[in-house]
Amino acid sequence: MFYKLHFLQHIWRQIRLVGSLPYLSLLVWILPLLLFTSGHNSLMAHDEALYASRARLMFDSGNWITPWERAHHKTPGPYWLIASFFNLFGMSDTSARIPSMIASIFSLWLVYEIGKIMLGKNLAWLAAAILSVEFLWLQYSRLSTPDVPMIFLVLLAILSLIKTEIHPKYRYFWSFIAGLSLSLGFLVRSFMIFLPIIALFPYLIWEHHRHRHLSNPILYLGFFVGLIPTCIWLWLSWLHYGNRSFEELLKFVVQLGSENQNHNSPLFYMWNIPLKSFPWAFFGILGLVLILRRPIYRYQLILVGFPVVLFCELSIFTTRFPHYSLCLYPFIALFASVGLNWLGNIYQTGIHPKLSIEKGNAIRNLPRNLSYGFGCLGILLVISSIGILCWGSSDIRRFATITLVMGLGWLILPVVWISRYHFGKKFLTARYWIAGWLIPCWLALAMTGSIGLLSDYNPVLRTFLQQPAIASIIQSHPTYYVQIDQKTQVLFEFYLPIHVQPVASISQIPALSYAWIYADRSPRLSRPHRIIGTVQEDQLIQFTP
């Protein structure tokens, strides 16, 4: 019996040891969220499948410089990164997503390091933990896109600039890393890297009298060294395509900056960011107000100036997509840690439950009101989820499990509050109350991943291609298409073992060959054919003699 008690005490000591190691505890926190799946994976069309299919083209052809028929409009960094992991682990959608997962983990650690310098260890860890459970951040941490790798490089550059000030002895080393990171960002994300670079200008220019970064030649040396891979690629591409290599790069960024492709208004990010980072954006606004009232000495133009300028740039930029704002999410997490910690301190101080809500007590009542408010939200989610699970369709039930888990999680907040202030459980300190905010989001995102909503984006197409009759055809015969849905085409370019071949007209497809067509075109075909299978709006057919 005593042996068991000692054994449990040993386990508890080990758990506390892990908790005291920020890097390890953050890894334990984020890793399940990155790995939980339903056992199946399929790429998201359009962007994720585009990057993966282009990397596959490099991998299959062995040509990592000019595998395209005409000059390409983006720098090849993300394709090289994904293709490298194809070399290491084989070509699969999982391999394509590993670079973003790794970059996400390192980004958490960088947020912790940046936050530790500016806000202290506890708030730094809280900020990194919050970043992990911001929905859009976690989603793109599991996609084969260059967004999170670029943000990792931006955060590394910011930390290096700060380290240059803190450790003058290693000034040249950190300056070199800062310049190198920003220029490698161009290789990874093309001209989009200039948005965060411009957002650093308030800090670089207005604080120049103190840090002297802009007069440091090693910073520029690192920047030019980081440009070497891009310059080599441009030169080799120019030898193959001529001036079109430069024209396509410039044409693409001008097109993005002059056309509102998705017709989102300048106020798009005002509502999209709070929605995709709920509830942390609201704590972030509170934290931003607190930081503006009490500026962070020496780092205000990074902590506040950088995200404010970047937000304005993104709002002015005519093409607006949710993932363009991802570089703001680490700063939302930093602000949210300040706001949530401030509320936690009020919770720790406490109020008597019989106090009325007067104007002077409104702020002191915030933790209580938030606890009860989200507790009521949790009850509503639980009731509606149970109803859907009992009477809803199978597709909706998947989402009901997520809302059920989140609803049960939100009940932690009123339970902790009531236990402390009505039943005298004083051991329920602010840490428990703050955990009551983190745990529901973690559980909901873990459930979202477990049922495949963060990994299996095209299950219908995946199961169709895995059918024995279909798989035997696409593995041994080339297929053709005249005109099909662009997103489906991109997925075919990655998943079909033999590359699908475009043709100008049906007449160019040989007899006994297989082709993909729109399902509604099949009855109007003049050539004899048989339908092999139908998936969504497309059909696989075989032309008969």
Protein backbone atom coordinates (compact mmCIF):
# COMPACT_ATOMS: atom_id res chain seq x y z
CA MET A 1 0.00 0.00 0.00
CA PHE A 2 2.78 2.46 0.94
CA TYR A 3 4.66 1.37 -2.15
CA LYS A 4 1.71 2.43 -4.29
CA LEU A 5 1.58 5.80 -2.53
CA HIS A 6 5.29 6.35 -3.18
CA PHE A 7 4.77 5.31 -6.79
CA LEU A 8 1.96 7.85 -7.25
CA GLN A 9 4.07 10.54 -5.61
CA HIS A 10 6.87 9.73 -8.06
CA ILE A 11 4.48 10.08 -11.01
CA TRP A 12 3.23 13.41 -9.65
CA ARG A 13 6.82 14.66 -9.28
CA GLN A 14 7.54 13.68 -12.90
CA ILE A 15 4.43 15.50 -14.10
CA ARG A 16 5.48 18.63 -12.21
CA LEU A 17 8.97 18.30 -13.68
CA VAL A 18 7.55 18.21 -17.21
CA GLY A 19 5.41 21.22 -16.38
CA SER A 20 8.50 23.13 -15.27
CA LEU A 21 10.19 22.54 -18.64
CA PRO A 22 8.43 25.00 -20.96
CA TYR A 23 9.67 23.57 -24.26
CA LEU A 24 8.70 20.03 -23.33
CA SER A 25 5.35 20.97 -21.82
CA LEU A 26 4.44 23.02 -24.90
CA LEU A 27 5.40 20.08 -27.10
CA VAL A 28 3.19 17.75 -25.05
CA TRP A 29 0.40 20.34 -25.32
CA ILE A 30 0.53 20.84 -29.11
CA LEU A 31 1.58 17.40 -30.40
CA PRO A 32 -1.79 15.63 -29.96
CA LEU A 33 -3.54 18.53 -31.69
CA LEU A 34 -1.19 18.13 -34.65
CA LEU A 35 -1.46 14.35 -34.84
CA PHE A 36 -5.05 13.41 -33.97
CA THR A 37 -6.85 12.10 -37.07
CA SER A 38 -9.66 9.75 -37.97
CA GLY A 39 -7.06 7.46 -39.57
CA HIS A 40 -7.57 8.99 -43.02
CA ASN A 41 -6.04 11.98 -44.76
CA SER A 42 -6.86 13.90 -47.91
CA LEU A 43 -5.61 17.25 -49.10
CA MET A 44 -7.59 20.46 -49.12
CA ALA A 45 -8.28 21.92 -52.52
CA HIS A 46 -7.27 24.46 -53.62
CA ASP A 47 -4.06 25.84 -52.10
CA GLU A 48 -2.81 22.82 -50.17
CA ALA A 49 -3.23 20.45 -53.11
CA LEU A 50 -1.52 22.99 -55.40
CA TYR A 51 1.64 23.13 -53.28
CA ALA A 52 1.71 19.36 -52.81
CA SER A 53 1.13 18.60 -56.51
CA ARG A 54 3.84 21.03 -57.62
CA ALA A 55 6.25 19.46 -55.14
CA ARG A 56 5.28 16.06 -56.51
CA LEU A 57 6.11 17.28 -60.03
CA MET A 58 9.61 18.21 -58.83
CA PHE A 59 9.95 14.93 -56.97
CA ASP A 60 8.83 12.76 -59.90
CA SER A 61 10.75 14.61 -62.59
CA GLY A 62 13.93 15.14 -60.59
CA ASN A 63 13.92 18.70 -61.94
CA TRP A 64 13.78 21.08 -58.97
CA ILE A 65 14.40 24.24 -60.97
CA THR A 66 12.28 24.28 -64.13
CA PRO A 67 9.76 21.41 -64.04
CA TRP A 68 6.97 23.57 -65.51
CA GLU A 69 6.17 24.13 -69.16
CA ARG A 70 6.26 27.89 -68.67
CA ALA A 71 7.78 30.26 -66.14
CA HIS A 72 6.34 29.93 -62.65
CA HIS A 73 4.81 32.80 -60.68
CA LYS A 74 6.10 31.86 -57.21
CA THR A 75 9.47 31.22 -55.61
CA PRO A 76 10.16 27.48 -55.14
CA GLY A 77 10.91 27.39 -51.40
CA PRO A 78 7.73 25.58 -50.28
CA TYR A 79 8.01 23.07 -53.13
CA TRP A 80 11.62 22.30 -52.25
CA LEU A 81 10.66 21.87 -48.61
CA ILE A 82 7.78 19.48 -49.32
CA ALA A 83 9.72 17.55 -51.98
CA SER A 84 12.58 17.10 -49.48
CA PHE A 85 10.18 15.37 -47.11
CA PHE A 86 8.93 13.25 -50.00
CA ASN A 87 12.54 12.10 -50.35
CA LEU A 88 12.76 11.32 -46.65
CA PHE A 89 9.40 9.67 -45.99
CA GLY A 90 7.94 8.87 -49.38
CA MET A 91 5.29 10.76 -51.31
CA SER A 92 2.07 11.10 -49.32
CA ASP A 93 -0.24 13.79 -48.02
CA THR A 94 1.15 13.19 -44.52
CA SER A 95 4.72 13.83 -45.68
CA ALA A 96 3.56 17.02 -47.40
CA ARG A 97 2.19 18.34 -44.10
CA ILE A 98 5.19 17.57 -41.88
CA PRO A 99 7.08 20.84 -42.69
CA SER A 100 4.18 22.97 -41.44
CA MET A 101 3.84 20.86 -38.29
CA ILE A 102 7.52 21.23 -37.48
CA ALA A 103 7.42 24.97 -38.22
CA SER A 104 4.40 25.30 -35.93
CA ILE A 105 6.20 23.65 -33.03
CA PHE A 106 9.25 25.87 -33.46
CA SER A 107 6.99 28.92 -33.76
CA LEU A 108 5.46 28.10 -30.38
CA TRP A 109 8.91 27.98 -28.84
CA LEU A 110 9.82 31.29 -30.50
CA VAL A 111 6.63 32.91 -29.17
CA TYR A 112 7.61 31.65 -25.73
CA GLU A 113 11.11 33.13 -26.06
CA ILE A 114 9.80 36.47 -27.35
CA GLY A 115 7.12 36.60 -24.68
CA LYS A 116 9.59 35.66 -21.95
CA ILE A 117 11.70 38.70 -22.79
CA MET A 118 8.77 41.11 -23.07
CA LEU A 119 6.21 39.77 -20.60
CA GLY A 120 7.87 37.20 -18.34
CA LYS A 121 7.96 33.39 -18.29
CA ASN A 122 4.42 32.72 -17.11
CA LEU A 123 2.74 34.97 -19.66
CA ALA A 124 5.07 33.68 -22.37
CA TRP A 125 4.03 30.08 -21.73
CA LEU A 126 0.37 31.09 -21.62
CA ALA A 127 0.73 32.93 -24.94
CA ALA A 128 2.26 29.89 -26.63
CA ALA A 129 -0.48 27.66 -25.20
CA ILE A 130 -3.16 30.06 -26.47
CA LEU A 131 -1.59 30.15 -29.94
CA SER A 132 -1.87 26.35 -30.08
CA VAL A 133 -5.65 26.47 -29.62
CA GLU A 134 -6.41 29.27 -32.08
CA PHE A 135 -8.43 27.46 -34.74
CA LEU A 136 -6.98 29.00 -37.91
CA TRP A 137 -3.42 28.65 -36.62
CA LEU A 138 -3.89 24.97 -35.81
CA GLN A 139 -5.61 24.33 -39.14
CA TYR A 140 -2.74 25.79 -41.17
CA SER A 141 -0.23 24.05 -38.93
CA ARG A 142 -1.62 20.86 -40.43
CA LEU A 143 -1.69 21.96 -44.09
CA SER A 144 1.05 21.70 -46.73
CA THR A 145 1.16 25.46 -47.32
CA PRO A 146 4.03 27.94 -46.78
CA ASP A 147 2.19 30.21 -44.33
CA VAL A 148 3.39 28.76 -41.03
CA PRO A 149 7.01 28.20 -42.25
CA MET A 150 7.12 31.87 -43.28
CA ILE A 151 5.78 32.99 -39.90
CA PHE A 152 8.43 30.86 -38.21
CA LEU A 153 11.10 32.81 -40.14
CA VAL A 154 9.48 36.14 -39.22
CA LEU A 155 9.37 35.21 -35.52
CA LEU A 156 12.99 34.03 -35.69
CA ALA A 157 13.98 37.38 -37.21
CA ILE A 158 12.11 39.29 -34.47
CA LEU A 159 13.71 37.22 -31.71
CA SER A 160 17.14 37.71 -33.31
CA LEU A 161 16.69 41.48 -33.40
CA ILE A 162 15.75 41.43 -29.71
CA LYS A 163 18.69 39.16 -28.84
CA THR A 164 20.99 41.58 -30.63
CA GLU A 165 20.03 44.24 -28.10
CA ILE A 166 20.15 41.96 -25.06
CA HIS A 167 23.47 40.28 -25.89
CA PRO A 168 25.82 42.83 -27.50
CA LYS A 169 28.60 40.25 -27.30
CA TYR A 170 26.75 38.12 -29.89
CA ARG A 171 25.43 41.10 -31.84
CA TYR A 172 26.89 40.02 -35.17
CA PHE A 173 25.61 36.46 -34.89
CA TRP A 174 22.03 37.47 -34.11
CA SER A 175 22.08 40.24 -36.73
CA PHE A 176 23.15 37.72 -39.34
CA ILE A 177 20.34 35.33 -38.33
CA ALA A 178 17.78 38.16 -38.51
CA GLY A 179 18.78 39.16 -42.03
CA LEU A 180 19.05 35.54 -43.15
CA SER A 181 15.56 34.71 -41.85
CA LEU A 182 13.86 37.60 -43.61
CA SER A 183 15.48 36.85 -46.97
CA LEU A 184 14.72 33.13 -46.69
CA GLY A 185 11.13 34.26 -46.16
CA PHE A 186 11.22 35.56 -49.75
CA LEU A 187 12.22 32.10 -50.96
CA VAL A 188 9.34 30.56 -48.99
CA ARG A 189 6.55 33.11 -49.56
CA SER A 190 7.71 35.34 -52.40
CA PHE A 191 6.77 39.03 -52.12
CA MET A 192 4.36 38.39 -49.24
CA ILE A 193 7.38 38.53 -46.90
CA PHE A 194 7.62 42.28 -47.52
CA LEU A 195 4.40 42.87 -45.55
CA PRO A 196 5.96 41.79 -42.21
CA ILE A 197 9.25 43.46 -43.17
CA ILE A 198 7.44 46.78 -43.65
CA ALA A 199 5.61 46.19 -40.35
CA LEU A 200 9.03 46.16 -38.65
CA PHE A 201 9.90 49.64 -39.95
CA PRO A 202 8.47 51.56 -36.94
CA TYR A 203 10.77 49.60 -34.66
CA LEU A 204 13.76 49.67 -37.02
CA ILE A 205 13.51 53.40 -37.81
CA TRP A 206 12.12 55.11 -34.71
CA GLU A 207 14.27 53.10 -32.30
CA HIS A 208 17.36 53.22 -34.49
CA HIS A 209 19.11 55.65 -32.17
CA ARG A 210 19.12 52.91 -29.56
CA HIS A 211 19.66 49.58 -31.35
CA ARG A 212 21.44 50.73 -34.59
CA HIS A 213 20.16 47.74 -36.58
CA LEU A 214 19.93 49.61 -39.88
CA SER A 215 23.58 50.65 -39.70
CA ASN A 216 24.74 47.11 -38.93
CA PRO A 217 26.42 45.65 -42.07
CA ILE A 218 26.08 42.08 -40.74
CA LEU A 219 22.27 42.39 -40.93
CA TYR A 220 22.55 43.16 -44.66
CA LEU A 221 25.13 40.42 -45.12
CA GLY A 222 22.74 37.87 -43.66
CA PHE A 223 19.96 39.21 -45.89
CA PHE A 224 22.04 38.86 -49.06
CA VAL A 225 23.28 35.40 -48.08
CA GLY A 226 19.68 34.30 -47.63
CA LEU A 227 18.90 35.59 -51.13
CA ILE A 228 21.52 33.34 -52.74
CA PRO A 229 19.20 30.30 -53.26
CA THR A 230 16.52 32.55 -54.76
CA CYS A 231 19.04 34.29 -57.04
CA ILE A 232 20.44 30.95 -58.24
CA TRP A 233 16.94 29.71 -58.98
CA LEU A 234 16.08 32.94 -60.83
CA TRP A 235 19.25 32.75 -62.90
CA LEU A 236 18.70 29.12 -63.89
CA SER A 237 15.03 29.85 -64.55
CA TRP A 238 16.02 32.82 -66.71
CA LEU A 239 18.33 30.59 -68.76
CA HIS A 240 15.36 28.30 -69.42
CA TYR A 241 12.40 30.71 -69.72
CA GLY A 242 14.05 34.04 -70.41
CA ASN A 243 12.62 37.27 -69.02
CA ARG A 244 9.29 35.56 -68.34
CA SER A 245 10.78 34.28 -65.06
CA PHE A 246 10.89 37.82 -63.67
CA GLU A 247 7.70 38.90 -65.40
CA GLU A 248 5.61 36.12 -63.85
CA LEU A 249 6.82 36.90 -60.32
CA LEU A 250 6.01 40.59 -60.67
CA LYS A 251 2.79 39.98 -62.58
CA PHE A 252 1.44 37.74 -59.81
CA VAL A 253 2.04 40.20 -56.98
CA VAL A 254 0.64 43.11 -59.03
CA GLN A 255 -2.44 41.03 -59.80
CA LEU A 256 -2.96 40.23 -56.10
CA GLY A 257 -2.51 43.86 -55.15
CA SER A 258 -4.86 45.28 -57.78
CA GLU A 259 -7.73 42.76 -57.95
CA ASN A 260 -10.19 41.88 -55.21
CA GLN A 261 -10.43 38.24 -56.19
CA ASN A 262 -12.78 37.16 -53.41
CA HIS A 263 -14.68 40.48 -53.08
CA ASN A 264 -13.96 40.88 -49.36
CA SER A 265 -14.29 44.41 -48.01
CA PRO A 266 -11.53 46.32 -46.15
CA LEU A 267 -13.38 45.39 -42.93
CA PHE A 268 -12.98 41.66 -43.68
CA TYR A 269 -10.33 41.03 -41.01
CA MET A 270 -12.32 42.97 -38.40
CA TRP A 271 -14.80 40.09 -38.17
CA ASN A 272 -12.84 37.19 -39.63
CA ILE A 273 -9.98 37.27 -37.12
CA PRO A 274 -12.27 37.27 -34.02
CA LEU A 275 -14.27 34.43 -35.59
CA LYS A 276 -11.25 32.26 -36.45
CA SER A 277 -9.53 32.88 -33.10
CA PHE A 278 -12.57 32.77 -30.78
CA PRO A 279 -12.48 33.53 -27.87
CA TRP A 280 -8.88 34.70 -27.78
CA ALA A 281 -9.27 37.82 -29.95
CA PHE A 282 -11.52 39.37 -27.27
CA PHE A 283 -8.92 38.71 -24.57
CA GLY A 284 -6.37 40.06 -27.06
CA ILE A 285 -8.24 43.36 -27.34
CA LEU A 286 -8.29 43.62 -23.55
CA GLY A 287 -4.57 42.83 -23.41
CA LEU A 288 -3.82 45.40 -26.13
CA VAL A 289 -5.63 48.09 -24.13
CA LEU A 290 -3.66 47.15 -21.01
CA ILE A 291 -0.34 47.27 -22.91
CA LEU A 292 -1.22 50.65 -24.44
CA ARG A 293 -1.93 51.97 -20.95
CA ARG A 294 1.32 50.54 -19.61
CA PRO A 295 3.77 50.33 -22.53
CA ILE A 296 6.42 47.63 -22.58
CA TYR A 297 9.74 49.43 -22.30
CA ARG A 298 11.95 49.08 -25.42
CA TYR A 299 9.65 46.61 -27.18
CA GLN A 300 6.40 48.53 -27.62
CA LEU A 301 7.02 49.08 -31.33
CA ILE A 302 7.46 45.34 -31.86
CA LEU A 303 4.71 44.08 -29.58
CA VAL A 304 2.15 46.70 -30.66
CA GLY A 305 3.61 48.52 -33.66
CA PHE A 306 4.28 45.40 -35.73
CA PRO A 307 0.75 43.85 -35.59
CA VAL A 308 -0.99 47.23 -35.96
CA VAL A 309 0.97 48.14 -39.10
CA LEU A 310 0.57 44.62 -40.49
CA PHE A 311 -3.18 44.71 -39.87
CA CYS A 312 -3.43 48.01 -41.77
CA GLU A 313 -1.37 46.60 -44.66
CA LEU A 314 -3.57 43.52 -44.92
CA SER A 315 -6.74 45.62 -44.85
CA ILE A 316 -5.45 47.91 -47.60
CA PHE A 317 -4.23 44.98 -49.73
CA THR A 318 -7.11 44.30 -52.12
CA THR A 319 -6.89 40.49 -52.07
CA ARG A 320 -8.03 39.35 -48.63
CA PHE A 321 -8.01 35.76 -47.43
CA PRO A 322 -8.21 34.45 -43.85
CA HIS A 323 -4.75 32.84 -43.98
CA TYR A 324 -3.10 36.13 -44.97
CA SER A 325 -3.72 37.27 -41.37
CA LEU A 326 -1.95 34.28 -39.79
CA CYS A 327 1.12 36.38 -38.95
CA LEU A 328 -1.09 38.33 -36.53
CA TYR A 329 -2.11 35.26 -34.53
CA PRO A 330 1.09 34.97 -32.42
CA PHE A 331 0.55 38.58 -31.34
CA ILE A 332 -3.12 37.95 -30.61
CA ALA A 333 -1.91 35.16 -28.33
CA LEU A 334 0.58 37.48 -26.60
CA PHE A 335 -2.10 40.12 -26.05
CA ALA A 336 -4.59 37.48 -24.90
CA SER A 337 -2.14 36.18 -22.30
CA VAL A 338 -1.91 39.69 -20.84
CA GLY A 339 -5.69 40.13 -20.81
CA LEU A 340 -6.44 36.68 -19.40
CA ASN A 341 -3.76 37.02 -16.74
CA TRP A 342 -5.25 40.39 -15.70
CA LEU A 343 -8.67 38.78 -15.32
CA GLY A 344 -7.05 35.90 -13.43
CA ASN A 345 -5.57 38.35 -10.95
CA ILE A 346 -9.05 39.82 -10.37
CA TYR A 347 -10.41 36.30 -9.93
CA GLN A 348 -7.68 35.59 -7.38
CA THR A 349 -8.59 38.71 -5.41
CA GLY A 350 -12.24 37.71 -5.52
CA ILE A 351 -15.53 39.43 -4.68
CA HIS A 352 -18.19 38.54 -2.18
CA PRO A 353 -21.05 36.76 -3.97
CA LYS A 354 -23.63 39.04 -2.33
CA LEU A 355 -22.09 42.23 -3.73
CA SER A 356 -24.37 43.98 -6.22
CA ILE A 357 -23.12 44.89 -9.68
CA GLU A 358 -22.43 48.55 -9.25
CA LYS A 359 -20.47 50.78 -11.54
CA GLY A 360 -17.45 50.68 -9.25
CA ASN A 361 -17.53 46.88 -9.07
CA ALA A 362 -18.10 46.22 -12.78
CA ILE A 363 -14.47 45.40 -13.46
CA ARG A 364 -14.17 43.23 -10.36
CA ASN A 365 -17.24 41.29 -11.50
CA LEU A 366 -15.83 40.52 -14.95
CA PRO A 367 -14.38 37.06 -14.11
CA ARG A 368 -17.61 36.04 -12.37
CA ASN A 369 -19.81 37.29 -15.22
CA LEU A 370 -17.61 35.64 -17.84
CA SER A 371 -17.67 32.38 -15.89
CA TYR A 372 -21.44 32.36 -15.66
CA GLY A 373 -21.87 33.61 -19.21
CA PHE A 374 -19.72 30.90 -20.78
CA GLY A 375 -21.23 28.36 -18.40
CA CYS A 376 -24.68 29.24 -19.81
CA LEU A 377 -23.23 28.98 -23.31
CA GLY A 378 -21.88 25.56 -22.38
CA ILE A 379 -25.32 24.41 -21.17
CA LEU A 380 -26.91 25.57 -24.44
CA LEU A 381 -24.26 23.74 -26.47
CA VAL A 382 -24.72 20.55 -24.45
CA ILE A 383 -28.53 20.61 -24.82
CA SER A 384 -28.42 21.35 -28.55
CA SER A 385 -25.70 18.74 -29.11
CA ILE A 386 -27.70 16.04 -27.33
CA GLY A 387 -30.72 16.93 -29.45
CA ILE A 388 -28.71 16.69 -32.67
CA LEU A 389 -27.10 13.40 -31.60
CA CYS A 390 -30.55 11.94 -30.94
CA TRP A 391 -32.45 13.23 -33.97
CA GLY A 392 -29.95 14.77 -36.40
CA SER A 393 -28.48 13.31 -39.57
CA SER A 394 -25.18 11.42 -39.52
CA ASP A 395 -23.25 14.30 -41.10
CA ILE A 396 -24.45 16.83 -38.52
CA ARG A 397 -23.75 14.42 -35.66
CA ARG A 398 -20.03 14.71 -36.34
CA PHE A 399 -20.17 18.41 -35.58
CA ALA A 400 -22.45 17.82 -32.60
CA THR A 401 -19.72 15.81 -30.87
CA ILE A 402 -17.43 18.83 -31.10
CA THR A 403 -20.01 21.21 -29.64
CA LEU A 404 -20.84 18.67 -26.92
CA VAL A 405 -17.20 18.47 -25.86
CA MET A 406 -16.81 22.24 -25.95
CA GLY A 407 -20.06 22.76 -24.03
CA LEU A 408 -18.99 20.37 -21.29
CA GLY A 409 -15.61 22.11 -21.20
CA TRP A 410 -17.13 25.57 -20.71
CA LEU A 411 -18.86 24.27 -17.58
CA ILE A 412 -15.44 24.18 -15.92
CA LEU A 413 -15.52 27.96 -15.48
CA PRO A 414 -18.67 28.28 -13.32
CA VAL A 415 -17.76 25.09 -11.43
CA VAL A 416 -14.37 26.53 -10.48
CA TRP A 417 -15.90 29.89 -9.54
CA ILE A 418 -18.70 28.41 -7.45
CA SER A 419 -16.37 25.93 -5.77
CA ARG A 420 -14.00 28.68 -4.71
CA TYR A 421 -16.44 31.41 -3.68
CA HIS A 422 -19.46 29.42 -2.52
CA PHE A 423 -17.87 26.28 -1.10
CA GLY A 424 -14.59 27.77 0.11
CA LYS A 425 -12.22 25.67 -2.05
CA LYS A 426 -9.40 28.17 -1.86
CA PHE A 427 -6.93 25.86 -3.60
CA LEU A 428 -8.75 26.69 -6.87
CA THR A 429 -6.46 29.58 -7.70
CA ALA A 430 -6.27 31.67 -10.87
CA ARG A 431 -4.35 28.88 -12.59
CA TYR A 432 -7.40 26.65 -12.43
CA TRP A 433 -9.63 29.41 -13.73
CA ILE A 434 -7.27 30.14 -16.65
CA ALA A 435 -7.07 26.42 -17.36
CA GLY A 436 -10.87 26.52 -17.59
CA TRP A 437 -10.45 28.68 -20.69
CA LEU A 438 -7.71 26.61 -22.33
CA ILE A 439 -9.09 23.11 -21.75
CA PRO A 440 -12.44 23.50 -23.62
CA CYS A 441 -10.68 24.85 -26.70
CA TRP A 442 -8.06 22.09 -26.55
CA LEU A 443 -10.69 19.36 -26.18
CA ALA A 444 -12.84 20.77 -28.99
CA LEU A 445 -9.88 20.99 -31.38
CA ALA A 446 -8.67 17.53 -30.36
CA MET A 447 -12.14 16.17 -31.16
CA THR A 448 -12.17 18.10 -34.44
CA GLY A 449 -8.93 16.41 -35.40
CA SER A 450 -10.04 12.99 -34.19
CA ILE A 451 -13.06 12.91 -36.50
CA GLY A 452 -10.97 14.00 -39.47
CA LEU A 453 -12.11 17.59 -39.95
CA LEU A 454 -8.51 18.86 -39.75
CA SER A 455 -6.98 16.20 -41.97
CA ASP A 456 -9.53 14.55 -44.27
CA TYR A 457 -10.83 17.39 -46.44
CA ASN A 458 -11.99 15.34 -49.43
CA PRO A 459 -13.21 11.98 -48.05
CA VAL A 460 -15.62 11.37 -50.96
CA LEU A 461 -12.88 11.62 -53.57
CA ARG A 462 -10.46 9.62 -51.40
CA THR A 463 -12.85 6.70 -50.97
CA PHE A 464 -13.75 6.80 -54.67
CA LEU A 465 -10.11 6.53 -55.76
CA GLN A 466 -9.53 3.70 -53.26
CA GLN A 467 -12.28 1.50 -54.73
CA PRO A 468 -10.62 -1.64 -56.18
CA ALA A 469 -12.17 -1.18 -59.63
CA ILE A 470 -11.10 2.48 -59.83
CA ALA A 471 -7.68 1.92 -58.23
CA SER A 472 -6.77 -0.82 -60.73
CA ILE A 473 -7.53 1.55 -63.63
CA ILE A 474 -5.71 4.66 -62.43
CA GLN A 475 -2.64 2.65 -61.37
CA SER A 476 -2.12 1.06 -64.78
CA HIS A 477 -3.69 3.41 -67.34
CA PRO A 478 -3.23 7.09 -68.16
CA THR A 479 -6.36 9.23 -67.91
CA TYR A 480 -7.33 12.34 -69.85
CA TYR A 481 -9.52 15.34 -69.31
CA VAL A 482 -10.88 18.15 -71.44
CA GLN A 483 -12.45 20.35 -68.81
CA ILE A 484 -13.14 19.46 -65.19
CA ASP A 485 -13.46 21.33 -61.93
CA GLN A 486 -10.14 23.05 -61.22
CA LYS A 487 -9.99 21.92 -57.60
CA THR A 488 -10.64 18.30 -58.58
CA GLN A 489 -7.97 18.59 -61.27
CA VAL A 490 -5.40 19.72 -58.71
CA LEU A 491 -6.27 16.80 -56.43
CA PHE A 492 -5.93 14.40 -59.38
CA GLU A 493 -2.47 15.78 -60.11
CA PHE A 494 -1.37 14.72 -56.65
CA TYR A 495 -3.30 11.51 -56.03
CA LEU A 496 -3.36 9.78 -59.42
CA PRO A 497 -0.29 7.49 -59.77
CA ILE A 498 -0.07 8.34 -63.48
CA HIS A 499 -0.36 12.04 -64.23
CA VAL A 500 -3.68 13.05 -65.75
CA GLN A 501 -3.19 14.48 -69.26
CA PRO A 502 -5.12 17.50 -70.60
CA VAL A 503 -6.44 17.49 -74.17
CA ALA A 504 -8.13 20.19 -76.23
CA SER A 505 -11.12 18.08 -77.31
CA ILE A 506 -12.74 14.69 -76.81
CA SER A 507 -11.69 13.61 -80.31
CA GLN A 508 -8.03 13.63 -79.29
CA ILE A 509 -8.55 10.88 -76.69
CA PRO A 510 -7.58 7.43 -78.09
CA ALA A 511 -10.10 4.60 -78.21
CA LEU A 512 -10.27 2.34 -75.14
CA SER A 513 -8.75 5.16 -73.10
CA TYR A 514 -10.13 6.59 -69.88
CA ALA A 515 -11.19 10.18 -69.35
CA TRP A 516 -12.60 12.48 -66.68
CA ILE A 517 -15.55 14.61 -67.69
CA TYR A 518 -18.33 16.58 -66.06
CA ALA A 519 -21.18 14.21 -65.23
CA ASP A 520 -23.76 16.34 -67.05
CA ARG A 521 -21.74 16.11 -70.30
CA SER A 522 -21.85 12.34 -70.43
CA PRO A 523 -25.31 12.01 -72.10
CA ARG A 524 -24.31 14.49 -74.81
CA LEU A 525 -21.14 12.69 -75.93
CA SER A 526 -21.28 11.50 -79.55
CA ARG A 527 -18.54 8.89 -79.08
CA PRO A 528 -19.55 5.51 -77.62
CA HIS A 529 -18.41 5.12 -74.02
CA ARG A 530 -19.16 3.41 -70.75
CA ILE A 531 -19.31 5.02 -67.32
CA ILE A 532 -16.86 3.55 -64.83
CA GLY A 533 -17.84 5.66 -61.83
CA THR A 534 -19.10 9.04 -60.65
CA VAL A 535 -17.62 11.19 -57.91
CA GLN A 536 -19.34 14.46 -57.03
CA GLU A 537 -19.68 16.39 -60.35
CA ASP A 538 -17.20 14.30 -62.35
CA GLN A 539 -17.29 10.92 -64.06
CA LEU A 540 -14.61 8.46 -65.10
CA ILE A 541 -15.54 7.00 -68.48
CA GLN A 542 -13.92 4.68 -71.03
CA PHE A 543 -14.32 5.26 -74.74
CA THR A 544 -15.30 2.06 -76.52
CA PRO A 545 -14.52 1.17 -80.18
